């Protein structure tokens, strides 16, 4: 389970497998409609553009 980095909603697990080497998981937020990839080392890649600092 993973929360959306943009809005905090629980994201939908699309696919991926812990049996793959390395394990990669793909998620989508139904609220923000962004896709997130969680890599084996714990890093997260998102298709959401970076928000400018305010």
N, C-alpha and C. Protein backbone atom coordinates (compact mmCIF):
# COMPACT_ATOMS: atom_id res chain seq x y z
N UNK A 1 0.85 -1.17 0.00
CA UNK A 1 0.00 0.00 0.00
C UNK A 1 0.90 1.24 0.00
N UNK A 2 0.46 2.24 -0.72
CA UNK A 2 1.26 3.47 -0.82
C UNK A 2 0.32 4.67 -0.90
N UNK A 3 0.73 5.77 -0.29
CA UNK A 3 -0.04 7.01 -0.36
C UNK A 3 0.51 7.89 -1.47
N UNK A 4 -0.38 8.66 -2.10
CA UNK A 4 0.00 9.57 -3.18
C UNK A 4 0.91 10.66 -2.64
N UNK A 5 2.04 10.92 -3.33
CA UNK A 5 2.94 11.98 -2.87
C UNK A 5 2.34 13.38 -3.03
N UNK A 6 1.30 13.52 -3.87
CA UNK A 6 0.70 14.83 -4.12
C UNK A 6 -0.45 15.14 -3.16
N UNK A 7 -1.39 14.19 -3.02
CA UNK A 7 -2.58 14.49 -2.22
C UNK A 7 -2.73 13.62 -0.98
N UNK A 8 -1.96 12.54 -0.87
CA UNK A 8 -2.01 11.69 0.31
C UNK A 8 -3.04 10.58 0.24
N UNK A 9 -3.81 10.48 -0.84
CA UNK A 9 -4.80 9.43 -0.98
C UNK A 9 -4.11 8.08 -1.18
N UNK A 10 -4.79 7.01 -0.81
CA UNK A 10 -4.24 5.67 -1.04
C UNK A 10 -4.27 5.39 -2.53
N UNK A 11 -3.13 4.93 -3.05
CA UNK A 11 -2.99 4.71 -4.48
C UNK A 11 -3.38 3.28 -4.86
N UNK A 12 -3.77 3.10 -6.12
CA UNK A 12 -4.15 1.79 -6.64
C UNK A 12 -2.90 1.10 -7.17
N UNK A 13 -2.68 -0.15 -6.74
CA UNK A 13 -1.56 -0.94 -7.22
C UNK A 13 -1.91 -1.47 -8.60
N UNK A 14 -1.14 -1.09 -9.63
CA UNK A 14 -1.44 -1.51 -10.99
C UNK A 14 -0.85 -2.87 -11.31
N UNK A 15 0.46 -2.99 -11.17
CA UNK A 15 1.10 -4.27 -11.40
C UNK A 15 2.51 -4.22 -10.86
N UNK A 16 3.17 -5.31 -11.00
CA UNK A 16 4.51 -5.45 -10.46
C UNK A 16 4.57 -6.76 -9.72
N UNK A 17 5.74 -7.15 -9.33
CA UNK A 17 5.87 -8.42 -8.65
C UNK A 17 7.08 -8.39 -7.75
N UNK A 18 6.94 -8.97 -6.58
CA UNK A 18 8.07 -9.09 -5.68
C UNK A 18 8.98 -10.22 -6.15
N UNK A 19 8.52 -11.01 -7.12
CA UNK A 19 9.33 -12.10 -7.65
C UNK A 19 10.31 -11.60 -8.71
N UNK A 20 10.05 -10.44 -9.28
CA UNK A 20 10.98 -9.88 -10.25
C UNK A 20 12.25 -9.45 -9.54
N UNK A 21 13.35 -9.46 -10.26
CA UNK A 21 14.61 -9.01 -9.68
C UNK A 21 15.12 -7.84 -10.48
N UNK A 22 15.10 -6.63 -10.01
CA UNK A 22 14.64 -6.21 -8.69
C UNK A 22 13.13 -6.02 -8.65
N UNK A 23 12.53 -6.12 -7.45
CA UNK A 23 11.08 -5.92 -7.35
C UNK A 23 10.70 -4.46 -7.62
N UNK A 24 9.81 -4.26 -8.58
CA UNK A 24 9.34 -2.92 -8.94
C UNK A 24 7.82 -2.92 -8.86
N UNK A 25 7.25 -1.88 -8.30
CA UNK A 25 5.79 -1.79 -8.16
C UNK A 25 5.29 -0.52 -8.83
N UNK A 26 4.14 -0.63 -9.47
CA UNK A 26 3.54 0.50 -10.19
C UNK A 26 2.21 0.84 -9.55
N UNK A 27 2.01 2.14 -9.28
CA UNK A 27 0.79 2.62 -8.63
C UNK A 27 0.18 3.77 -9.44
N UNK A 28 -1.14 4.00 -9.22
CA UNK A 28 -1.81 5.14 -9.83
C UNK A 28 -2.75 5.75 -8.81
N UNK A 29 -2.78 7.09 -8.76
CA UNK A 29 -3.70 7.79 -7.88
C UNK A 29 -4.96 8.12 -8.66
N UNK A 30 -6.09 7.68 -8.17
CA UNK A 30 -7.36 7.95 -8.86
C UNK A 30 -7.80 9.40 -8.69
N UNK A 31 -7.34 10.06 -7.62
CA UNK A 31 -7.71 11.45 -7.38
C UNK A 31 -6.88 12.40 -8.26
N UNK A 32 -5.55 12.23 -8.26
CA UNK A 32 -4.66 13.13 -9.00
C UNK A 32 -4.37 12.63 -10.41
N UNK A 33 -4.64 11.35 -10.65
CA UNK A 33 -4.37 10.72 -11.94
C UNK A 33 -2.88 10.77 -12.31
N UNK A 34 -2.02 10.55 -11.30
CA UNK A 34 -0.58 10.46 -11.57
C UNK A 34 -0.13 9.02 -11.38
N UNK A 35 0.94 8.65 -12.05
CA UNK A 35 1.51 7.32 -11.94
C UNK A 35 2.81 7.39 -11.16
N UNK A 36 3.03 6.40 -10.30
CA UNK A 36 4.22 6.34 -9.47
C UNK A 36 4.84 4.95 -9.61
N UNK A 37 6.15 4.92 -9.73
CA UNK A 37 6.89 3.67 -9.75
C UNK A 37 7.75 3.62 -8.50
N UNK A 38 7.63 2.53 -7.75
CA UNK A 38 8.45 2.34 -6.55
C UNK A 38 9.49 1.28 -6.87
N UNK A 39 10.76 1.67 -6.82
CA UNK A 39 11.86 0.78 -7.16
C UNK A 39 12.31 -0.03 -5.95
N UNK A 40 13.13 -1.04 -6.20
CA UNK A 40 13.56 -1.97 -5.16
C UNK A 40 14.32 -1.28 -4.03
N UNK A 41 15.07 -0.23 -4.34
CA UNK A 41 15.85 0.46 -3.31
C UNK A 41 15.02 1.46 -2.50
N UNK A 42 13.71 1.52 -2.78
CA UNK A 42 12.82 2.41 -2.03
C UNK A 42 12.61 3.77 -2.66
N UNK A 43 13.34 4.08 -3.74
CA UNK A 43 13.14 5.36 -4.41
C UNK A 43 11.83 5.35 -5.18
N UNK A 44 11.27 6.53 -5.33
CA UNK A 44 9.97 6.68 -5.99
C UNK A 44 10.13 7.60 -7.18
N UNK A 45 9.62 7.16 -8.33
CA UNK A 45 9.60 8.00 -9.53
C UNK A 45 8.14 8.30 -9.84
N UNK A 46 7.86 9.56 -10.16
CA UNK A 46 6.50 9.99 -10.43
C UNK A 46 6.44 10.75 -11.74
N UNK A 47 5.30 10.67 -12.42
CA UNK A 47 5.13 11.45 -13.65
C UNK A 47 4.56 12.83 -13.35
N UNK A 48 4.42 13.15 -12.04
CA UNK A 48 3.95 14.47 -11.64
C UNK A 48 5.08 15.48 -11.79
N UNK A 49 4.82 16.62 -12.43
CA UNK A 49 5.87 17.65 -12.53
C UNK A 49 6.24 18.18 -11.16
N UNK A 50 7.48 18.56 -11.01
CA UNK A 50 7.96 19.13 -9.75
C UNK A 50 7.21 20.42 -9.43
N UNK A 51 6.82 20.58 -8.17
CA UNK A 51 6.13 21.79 -7.74
C UNK A 51 7.17 22.84 -7.38
N UNK A 52 7.04 24.07 -7.87
CA UNK A 52 7.99 25.10 -7.48
C UNK A 52 7.86 25.45 -6.00
N UNK A 53 8.96 25.77 -5.38
CA UNK A 53 8.94 26.14 -3.96
C UNK A 53 8.24 27.49 -3.80
N UNK A 54 7.46 27.61 -2.74
CA UNK A 54 6.72 28.85 -2.50
C UNK A 54 7.23 29.55 -1.28
